[in-house]
Amino acid sequence: MINKGEISDITQFSRAVFPPGEIAHAHKHPDMTEIFYIESGHGEIIINGIHHPIEPGTCIVIEPGEAHELRCSENTEMSVIYFGKT
């Protein structure tokens, strides 16, 4: 178990489930690195305007200041585990 505050630079750790067609619209974080792990499903991530397909097992690192958008495919649910680090 990791207790709250034990890893001081971790800002979040979560799991998100995207229904088919769901979009986490483009945004960026000025001072946070974000790491995404695709647990299940398919879709794409757009990083600074470049489209990348994602599937189970894909791990993506988003650096501070990079614009990013996650899109779930139209025909499957997508589960994403992610955390942020300052």
PDB file of N, CA and C in Angstrom:
ATOM      1  N   MET A   1       0.839  -1.173   0.000  1.00  0.00           N
ATOM      2  CA  MET A   1       0.000   0.000   0.000  1.00  0.00           C
ATOM      3  C   MET A   1       0.890   1.244   0.000  1.00  0.00           C
ATOM      4  N   ILE A   2       0.447   2.242  -0.735  1.00  0.00           N
ATOM      5  CA  ILE A   2       1.126   3.536  -0.739  1.00  0.00           C
ATOM      6  C   ILE A   2       0.229   4.502   0.011  1.00  0.00           C
ATOM      7  N   ASN A   3       0.752   5.075   1.044  1.00  0.00           N
ATOM      8  CA  ASN A   3      -0.015   6.026   1.837  1.00  0.00           C
ATOM      9  C   ASN A   3      -0.002   7.397   1.190  1.00  0.00           C
ATOM     10  N   LYS A   4      -1.051   8.178   1.420  1.00  0.00           N
ATOM     11  CA  LYS A   4      -1.157   9.527   0.886  1.00  0.00           C
ATOM     12  C   LYS A   4       0.078  10.334   1.303  1.00  0.00           C
ATOM     13  N   GLY A   5       0.698  10.976   0.322  1.00  0.00           N
ATOM     14  CA  GLY A   5       1.871  11.796   0.576  1.00  0.00           C
ATOM     15  C   GLY A   5       3.182  11.029   0.575  1.00  0.00           C
ATOM     16  N   GLU A   6       3.127   9.704   0.483  1.00  0.00           N
ATOM     17  CA  GLU A   6       4.346   8.895   0.522  1.00  0.00           C
ATOM     18  C   GLU A   6       5.232   9.146  -0.703  1.00  0.00           C
ATOM     19  N   ILE A   7       4.616   9.363  -1.845  1.00  0.00           N
ATOM     20  CA  ILE A   7       5.350   9.713  -3.062  1.00  0.00           C
ATOM     21  C   ILE A   7       4.946  11.147  -3.374  1.00  0.00           C
ATOM     22  N   SER A   8       5.757  12.084  -2.979  1.00  0.00           N
ATOM     23  CA  SER A   8       5.357  13.491  -2.959  1.00  0.00           C
ATOM     24  C   SER A   8       5.065  14.100  -4.323  1.00  0.00           C
ATOM     25  N   ASP A   9       5.692  13.651  -5.396  1.00  0.00           N
ATOM     26  CA  ASP A   9       5.468  14.312  -6.679  1.00  0.00           C
ATOM     27  C   ASP A   9       4.385  13.663  -7.539  1.00  0.00           C
ATOM     28  N   ILE A  10       3.703  12.628  -7.033  1.00  0.00           N
ATOM     29  CA  ILE A  10       2.564  12.041  -7.736  1.00  0.00           C
ATOM     30  C   ILE A  10       1.342  12.885  -7.416  1.00  0.00           C
ATOM     31  N   THR A  11       0.715  13.460  -8.452  1.00  0.00           N
ATOM     32  CA  THR A  11      -0.436  14.337  -8.231  1.00  0.00           C
ATOM     33  C   THR A  11      -1.764  13.605  -8.347  1.00  0.00           C
ATOM     34  N   GLN A  12      -1.787  12.492  -9.068  1.00  0.00           N
ATOM     35  CA  GLN A  12      -3.019  11.718  -9.245  1.00  0.00           C
ATOM     36  C   GLN A  12      -2.680  10.316  -9.685  1.00  0.00           C
ATOM     37  N   PHE A  13      -3.545   9.392  -9.391  1.00  0.00           N
ATOM     38  CA  PHE A  13      -3.461   8.020  -9.889  1.00  0.00           C
ATOM     39  C   PHE A  13      -4.889   7.554 -10.013  1.00  0.00           C
ATOM     40  N   SER A  14      -5.293   7.167 -11.224  1.00  0.00           N
ATOM     41  CA  SER A  14      -6.700   6.875 -11.431  1.00  0.00           C
ATOM     42  C   SER A  14      -6.904   5.893 -12.584  1.00  0.00           C
ATOM     43  N   ARG A  15      -8.139   5.471 -12.709  1.00  0.00           N
ATOM     44  CA  ARG A  15      -8.563   4.612 -13.808  1.00  0.00           C
ATOM     45  C   ARG A  15      -9.811   5.241 -14.403  1.00  0.00           C
ATOM     46  N   ALA A  16      -9.846   5.367 -15.717  1.00  0.00           N
ATOM     47  CA  ALA A  16     -11.002   5.925 -16.410  1.00  0.00           C
ATOM     48  C   ALA A  16     -11.525   4.902 -17.404  1.00  0.00           C
ATOM     49  N   VAL A  17     -12.837   4.814 -17.505  1.00  0.00           N
ATOM     50  CA  VAL A  17     -13.472   3.941 -18.491  1.00  0.00           C
ATOM     51  C   VAL A  17     -14.223   4.833 -19.476  1.00  0.00           C
ATOM     52  N   PHE A  18     -13.830   4.738 -20.739  1.00  0.00           N
ATOM     53  CA  PHE A  18     -14.438   5.529 -21.801  1.00  0.00           C
ATOM     54  C   PHE A  18     -15.476   4.679 -22.529  1.00  0.00           C
ATOM     55  N   PRO A  19     -16.712   5.131 -22.598  1.00  0.00           N
ATOM     56  CA  PRO A  19     -17.686   4.414 -23.428  1.00  0.00           C
ATOM     57  C   PRO A  19     -17.352   4.610 -24.905  1.00  0.00           C
ATOM     58  N   PRO A  20     -17.877   3.775 -25.783  1.00  0.00           N
ATOM     59  CA  PRO A  20     -17.586   3.918 -27.211  1.00  0.00           C
ATOM     60  C   PRO A  20     -17.835   5.345 -27.698  1.00  0.00           C
ATOM     61  N   GLY A  21     -16.858   5.895 -28.428  1.00  0.00           N
ATOM     62  CA  GLY A  21     -16.972   7.220 -29.006  1.00  0.00           C
ATOM     63  C   GLY A  21     -16.618   8.371 -28.072  1.00  0.00           C
ATOM     64  N   GLU A  22     -16.335   8.096 -26.814  1.00  0.00           N
ATOM     65  CA  GLU A  22     -16.020   9.153 -25.838  1.00  0.00           C
ATOM     66  C   GLU A  22     -14.690   9.831 -26.173  1.00  0.00           C
ATOM     67  N   ILE A  23     -14.610  11.134 -25.900  1.00  0.00           N
ATOM     68  CA  ILE A  23     -13.401  11.913 -26.151  1.00  0.00           C
ATOM     69  C   ILE A  23     -13.028  12.697 -24.891  1.00  0.00           C
ATOM     70  N   ALA A  24     -11.772  12.611 -24.495  1.00  0.00           N
ATOM     71  CA  ALA A  24     -11.217  13.518 -23.479  1.00  0.00           C
ATOM     72  C   ALA A  24     -10.523  14.601 -24.291  1.00  0.00           C
ATOM     73  N   HIS A  25     -11.175  15.742 -24.434  1.00  0.00           N
ATOM     74  CA  HIS A  25     -10.742  16.785 -25.362  1.00  0.00           C
ATOM     75  C   HIS A  25      -9.343  17.310 -25.053  1.00  0.00           C
ATOM     76  N   ALA A  26      -8.729  17.857 -26.091  1.00  0.00           N
ATOM     77  CA  ALA A  26      -7.350  18.338 -26.027  1.00  0.00           C
ATOM     78  C   ALA A  26      -7.150  19.337 -24.888  1.00  0.00           C
ATOM     79  N   HIS A  27      -6.071  19.117 -24.177  1.00  0.00           N
ATOM     80  CA  HIS A  27      -5.666  20.006 -23.099  1.00  0.00           C
ATOM     81  C   HIS A  27      -4.183  19.777 -22.835  1.00  0.00           C
ATOM     82  N   LYS A  28      -3.595  20.619 -22.011  1.00  0.00           N
ATOM     83  CA  LYS A  28      -2.193  20.423 -21.631  1.00  0.00           C
ATOM     84  C   LYS A  28      -1.997  20.876 -20.191  1.00  0.00           C
ATOM     85  N   HIS A  29      -0.929  20.383 -19.599  1.00  0.00           N
ATOM     86  CA  HIS A  29      -0.577  20.705 -18.223  1.00  0.00           C
ATOM     87  C   HIS A  29       0.792  21.379 -18.236  1.00  0.00           C
ATOM     88  N   PRO A  30       0.901  22.592 -17.710  1.00  0.00           N
ATOM     89  CA  PRO A  30       2.181  23.304 -17.800  1.00  0.00           C
ATOM     90  C   PRO A  30       3.301  22.707 -16.957  1.00  0.00           C
ATOM     91  N   ASP A  31       2.948  21.971 -15.887  1.00  0.00           N
ATOM     92  CA  ASP A  31       3.996  21.490 -14.980  1.00  0.00           C
ATOM     93  C   ASP A  31       3.822  20.033 -14.563  1.00  0.00           C
ATOM     94  N   MET A  32       3.076  19.251 -15.345  1.00  0.00           N
ATOM     95  CA  MET A  32       2.830  17.861 -14.957  1.00  0.00           C
ATOM     96  C   MET A  32       3.102  16.914 -16.124  1.00  0.00           C
ATOM     97  N   THR A  33       3.851  15.866 -15.862  1.00  0.00           N
ATOM     98  CA  THR A  33       3.999  14.752 -16.786  1.00  0.00           C
ATOM     99  C   THR A  33       2.842  13.807 -16.502  1.00  0.00           C
ATOM    100  N   GLU A  34       2.226  13.272 -17.565  1.00  0.00           N
ATOM    101  CA  GLU A  34       1.108  12.351 -17.387  1.00  0.00           C
ATOM    102  C   GLU A  34       1.432  11.050 -18.115  1.00  0.00           C
ATOM    103  N   ILE A  35       1.194   9.932 -17.454  1.00  0.00           N
ATOM    104  CA  ILE A  35       1.465   8.616 -18.021  1.00  0.00           C
ATOM    105  C   ILE A  35       0.144   7.872 -18.126  1.00  0.00           C
ATOM    106  N   PHE A  36      -0.140   7.353 -19.328  1.00  0.00           N
ATOM    107  CA  PHE A  36      -1.357   6.593 -19.595  1.00  0.00           C
ATOM    108  C   PHE A  36      -0.994   5.153 -19.938  1.00  0.00           C
ATOM    109  N   TYR A  37      -1.739   4.204 -19.380  1.00  0.00           N
ATOM    110  CA  TYR A  37      -1.596   2.796 -19.743  1.00  0.00           C
ATOM    111  C   TYR A  37      -2.971   2.320 -20.201  1.00  0.00           C
ATOM    112  N   ILE A  38      -3.039   1.800 -21.423  1.00  0.00           N
ATOM    113  CA  ILE A  38      -4.305   1.321 -21.968  1.00  0.00           C
ATOM    114  C   ILE A  38      -4.506  -0.116 -21.497  1.00  0.00           C
ATOM    115  N   GLU A  39      -5.477  -0.278 -20.627  1.00  0.00           N
ATOM    116  CA  GLU A  39      -5.776  -1.585 -20.033  1.00  0.00           C
ATOM    117  C   GLU A  39      -6.613  -2.449 -20.980  1.00  0.00           C
ATOM    118  N   SER A  40      -7.600  -1.834 -21.643  1.00  0.00           N
ATOM    119  CA  SER A  40      -8.443  -2.571 -22.587  1.00  0.00           C
ATOM    120  C   SER A  40      -9.067  -1.589 -23.566  1.00  0.00           C
ATOM    121  N   GLY A  41      -9.506  -2.107 -24.688  1.00  0.00           N
ATOM    122  CA  GLY A  41     -10.161  -1.289 -25.698  1.00  0.00           C
ATOM    123  C   GLY A  41      -9.176  -0.702 -26.695  1.00  0.00           C
ATOM    124  N   HIS A  42      -9.722   0.063 -27.614  1.00  0.00           N
ATOM    125  CA  HIS A  42      -8.930   0.664 -28.689  1.00  0.00           C
ATOM    126  C   HIS A  42      -9.362   2.108 -28.902  1.00  0.00           C
ATOM    127  N   GLY A  43      -8.473   2.880 -29.489  1.00  0.00           N
ATOM    128  CA  GLY A  43      -8.777   4.261 -29.802  1.00  0.00           C
ATOM    129  C   GLY A  43      -7.548   4.933 -30.364  1.00  0.00           C
ATOM    130  N   GLU A  44      -7.429   6.219 -30.061  1.00  0.00           N
ATOM    131  CA  GLU A  44      -6.250   6.957 -30.489  1.00  0.00           C
ATOM    132  C   GLU A  44      -5.966   8.063 -29.491  1.00  0.00           C
ATOM    133  N   ILE A  45      -4.702   8.456 -29.464  1.00  0.00           N
ATOM    134  CA  ILE A  45      -4.305   9.625 -28.702  1.00  0.00           C
ATOM    135  C   ILE A  45      -3.686  10.596 -29.698  1.00  0.00           C
ATOM    136  N   ILE A  46      -4.040  11.850 -29.537  1.00  0.00           N
ATOM    137  CA  ILE A  46      -3.493  12.893 -30.398  1.00  0.00           C
ATOM    138  C   ILE A  46      -2.572  13.736 -29.520  1.00  0.00           C
ATOM    139  N   ILE A  47      -1.296  13.770 -29.883  1.00  0.00           N
ATOM    140  CA  ILE A  47      -0.293  14.521 -29.126  1.00  0.00           C
ATOM    141  C   ILE A  47       0.261  15.604 -30.035  1.00  0.00           C
ATOM    142  N   ASN A  48       0.041  16.847 -29.638  1.00  0.00           N
ATOM    143  CA  ASN A  48       0.489  17.992 -30.443  1.00  0.00           C
ATOM    144  C   ASN A  48       0.077  17.853 -31.905  1.00  0.00           C
ATOM    145  N   GLY A  49      -1.154  17.396 -32.126  1.00  0.00           N
ATOM    146  CA  GLY A  49      -1.716  17.291 -33.474  1.00  0.00           C
ATOM    147  C   GLY A  49      -1.375  16.013 -34.224  1.00  0.00           C
ATOM    148  N   ILE A  50      -0.559  15.138 -33.651  1.00  0.00           N
ATOM    149  CA  ILE A  50      -0.172  13.889 -34.321  1.00  0.00           C
ATOM    150  C   ILE A  50      -1.001  12.742 -33.741  1.00  0.00           C
ATOM    151  N   HIS A  51      -1.678  11.991 -34.611  1.00  0.00           N
ATOM    152  CA  HIS A  51      -2.549  10.889 -34.209  1.00  0.00           C
ATOM    153  C   HIS A  51      -1.747   9.601 -34.036  1.00  0.00           C
ATOM    154  N   HIS A  52      -2.011   8.900 -32.928  1.00  0.00           N
ATOM    155  CA  HIS A  52      -1.348   7.628 -32.637  1.00  0.00           C
ATOM    156  C   HIS A  52      -2.421   6.616 -32.239  1.00  0.00           C
ATOM    157  N   PRO A  53      -2.448   5.440 -32.885  1.00  0.00           N
ATOM    158  CA  PRO A  53      -3.407   4.418 -32.450  1.00  0.00           C
ATOM    159  C   PRO A  53      -3.005   3.870 -31.087  1.00  0.00           C
ATOM    160  N   ILE A  54      -4.003   3.493 -30.281  1.00  0.00           N
ATOM    161  CA  ILE A  54      -3.729   2.890 -28.976  1.00  0.00           C
ATOM    162  C   ILE A  54      -4.561   1.629 -28.831  1.00  0.00           C
ATOM    163  N   GLU A  55      -3.989   0.671 -28.137  1.00  0.00           N
ATOM    164  CA  GLU A  55      -4.617  -0.628 -27.910  1.00  0.00           C
ATOM    165  C   GLU A  55      -4.153  -1.149 -26.559  1.00  0.00           C
ATOM    166  N   PRO A  56      -4.715  -2.252 -26.082  1.00  0.00           N
ATOM    167  CA  PRO A  56      -4.292  -2.785 -24.781  1.00  0.00           C
ATOM    168  C   PRO A  56      -2.774  -2.984 -24.718  1.00  0.00           C
ATOM    169  N   GLY A  57      -2.195  -2.517 -23.616  1.00  0.00           N
ATOM    170  CA  GLY A  57      -0.761  -2.629 -23.415  1.00  0.00           C
ATOM    171  C   GLY A  57       0.032  -1.406 -23.835  1.00  0.00           C
ATOM    172  N   THR A  58      -0.611  -0.472 -24.545  1.00  0.00           N
ATOM    173  CA  THR A  58       0.069   0.756 -24.943  1.00  0.00           C
ATOM    174  C   THR A  58       0.323   1.618 -23.707  1.00  0.00           C
ATOM    175  N   CYS A  59       1.527   2.155 -23.599  1.00  0.00           N
ATOM    176  CA  CYS A  59       1.878   3.077 -22.516  1.00  0.00           C
ATOM    177  C   CYS A  59       2.381   4.363 -23.158  1.00  0.00           C
ATOM    178  N   ILE A  60       1.824   5.492 -22.726  1.00  0.00           N
ATOM    179  CA  ILE A  60       2.131   6.784 -23.325  1.00  0.00           C
ATOM    180  C   ILE A  60       2.603   7.741 -22.247  1.00  0.00           C
ATOM    181  N   VAL A  61       3.661   8.485 -22.519  1.00  0.00           N
ATOM    182  CA  VAL A  61       4.147   9.524 -21.610  1.00  0.00           C
ATOM    183  C   VAL A  61       3.898  10.875 -22.277  1.00  0.00           C
ATOM    184  N   ILE A  62       3.174  11.740 -21.576  1.00  0.00           N
ATOM    185  CA  ILE A  62       2.898  13.095 -22.048  1.00  0.00           C
ATOM    186  C   ILE A  62       3.729  14.051 -21.194  1.00  0.00           C
ATOM    187  N   GLU A  63       4.595  14.797 -21.840  1.00  0.00           N
ATOM    188  CA  GLU A  63       5.465  15.735 -21.139  1.00  0.00           C
ATOM    189  C   GLU A  63       4.711  17.038 -20.840  1.00  0.00           C
ATOM    190  N   PRO A  64       5.162  17.796 -19.848  1.00  0.00           N
ATOM    191  CA  PRO A  64       4.526  19.089 -19.565  1.00  0.00           C
ATOM    192  C   PRO A  64       4.471  19.960 -20.828  1.00  0.00           C
ATOM    193  N   GLY A  65       3.323  20.592 -21.032  1.00  0.00           N
ATOM    194  CA  GLY A  65       3.153  21.479 -22.176  1.00  0.00           C
ATOM    195  C   GLY A  65       2.688  20.813 -23.453  1.00  0.00           C
ATOM    196  N   GLU A  66       2.658  19.479 -23.512  1.00  0.00           N
ATOM    197  CA  GLU A  66       2.194  18.794 -24.716  1.00  0.00           C
ATOM    198  C   GLU A  66       0.667  18.725 -24.713  1.00  0.00           C
ATOM    199  N   ALA A  67       0.052  19.196 -25.799  1.00  0.00           N
ATOM    200  CA  ALA A  67      -1.399  19.089 -25.955  1.00  0.00           C
ATOM    201  C   ALA A  67      -1.728  17.628 -26.258  1.00  0.00           C
ATOM    202  N   HIS A  68      -2.751  17.099 -25.569  1.00  0.00           N
ATOM    203  CA  HIS A  68      -3.118  15.699 -25.783  1.00  0.00           C
ATOM    204  C   HIS A  68      -4.624  15.508 -25.670  1.00  0.00           C
ATOM    205  N   GLU A  69      -5.119  14.564 -26.458  1.00  0.00           N
ATOM    206  CA  GLU A  69      -6.537  14.233 -26.496  1.00  0.00           C
ATOM    207  C   GLU A  69      -6.663  12.723 -26.647  1.00  0.00           C
ATOM    208  N   LEU A  70      -7.514  12.101 -25.848  1.00  0.00           N
ATOM    209  CA  LEU A  70      -7.780  10.662 -25.941  1.00  0.00           C
ATOM    210  C   LEU A  70      -9.137  10.457 -26.584  1.00  0.00           C
ATOM    211  N   ARG A  71      -9.206   9.507 -27.525  1.00  0.00           N
ATOM    212  CA  ARG A  71     -10.463   9.175 -28.188  1.00  0.00           C
ATOM    213  C   ARG A  71     -10.667   7.668 -28.156  1.00  0.00           C
ATOM    214  N   CYS A  72     -11.806   7.266 -27.674  1.00  0.00           N
ATOM    215  CA  CYS A  72     -12.176   5.850 -27.681  1.00  0.00           C
ATOM    216  C   CYS A  72     -12.809   5.531 -29.035  1.00  0.00           C
ATOM    217  N   SER A  73     -12.545   4.330 -29.549  1.00  0.00           N
ATOM    218  CA  SER A  73     -13.148   3.942 -30.824  1.00  0.00           C
ATOM    219  C   SER A  73     -14.669   3.869 -30.677  1.00  0.00           C
ATOM    220  N   GLU A  74     -15.347   3.864 -31.787  1.00  0.00           N
ATOM    221  CA  GLU A  74     -16.815   3.871 -31.796  1.00  0.00           C
ATOM    222  C   GLU A  74     -17.441   2.540 -31.381  1.00  0.00           C
ATOM    223  N   ASN A  75     -16.659   1.456 -31.381  1.00  0.00           N
ATOM    224  CA  ASN A  75     -17.287   0.141 -31.185  1.00  0.00           C
ATOM    225  C   ASN A  75     -16.829  -0.632 -29.950  1.00  0.00           C
ATOM    226  N   THR A  76     -16.051  -0.004 -29.069  1.00  0.00           N
ATOM    227  CA  THR A  76     -15.590  -0.726 -27.894  1.00  0.00           C
ATOM    228  C   THR A  76     -15.337   0.223 -26.722  1.00  0.00           C
ATOM    229  N   GLU A  77     -15.548  -0.250 -25.525  1.00  0.00           N
ATOM    230  CA  GLU A  77     -15.211   0.514 -24.327  1.00  0.00           C
ATOM    231  C   GLU A  77     -13.690   0.496 -24.152  1.00  0.00           C
ATOM    232  N   MET A  78     -13.132   1.546 -23.575  1.00  0.00           N
ATOM    233  CA  MET A  78     -11.688   1.609 -23.359  1.00  0.00           C
ATOM    234  C   MET A  78     -11.409   1.947 -21.898  1.00  0.00           C
ATOM    235  N   SER A  79     -10.528   1.176 -21.277  1.00  0.00           N
ATOM    236  CA  SER A  79     -10.134   1.401 -19.896  1.00  0.00           C
ATOM    237  C   SER A  79      -8.684   1.895 -19.864  1.00  0.00           C
ATOM    238  N   VAL A  80      -8.471   3.021 -19.140  1.00  0.00           N
ATOM    239  CA  VAL A  80      -7.163   3.663 -19.090  1.00  0.00           C
ATOM    240  C   VAL A  80      -6.759   3.880 -17.647  1.00  0.00           C
ATOM    241  N   ILE A  81      -5.565   3.455 -17.301  1.00  0.00           N
ATOM    242  CA  ILE A  81      -4.982   3.744 -15.990  1.00  0.00           C
ATOM    243  C   ILE A  81      -3.977   4.870 -16.219  1.00  0.00           C
ATOM    244  N   TYR A  82      -4.007   5.870 -15.365  1.00  0.00           N
ATOM    245  CA  TYR A  82      -3.108   7.004 -15.591  1.00  0.00           C
ATOM    246  C   TYR A  82      -2.674   7.628 -14.264  1.00  0.00           C
ATOM    247  N   PHE A  83      -1.523   8.301 -14.329  1.00  0.00           N
ATOM    248  CA  PHE A  83      -1.079   9.075 -13.184  1.00  0.00           C
ATOM    249  C   PHE A  83      -0.328  10.302 -13.643  1.00  0.00           C
ATOM    250  N   GLY A  84      -0.311  11.294 -12.781  1.00  0.00           N
ATOM    251  CA  GLY A  84       0.387  12.535 -13.065  1.00  0.00           C
ATOM    252  C   GLY A  84       1.536  12.713 -12.075  1.00  0.00           C
ATOM    253  N   LYS A  85       2.590  13.376 -12.561  1.00  0.00           N
ATOM    254  CA  LYS A  85       3.794  13.581 -11.756  1.00  0.00           C
ATOM    255  C   LYS A  85       4.306  14.987 -12.028  1.00  0.00           C
ATOM    256  N   THR A  86       4.597  15.707 -10.962  1.00  0.00           N
ATOM    257  CA  THR A  86       5.163  17.049 -11.136  1.00  0.00           C
ATOM    258  C   THR A  86       6.670  17.007 -10.979  1.00  0.00           C
TER     259      THR A  86
END
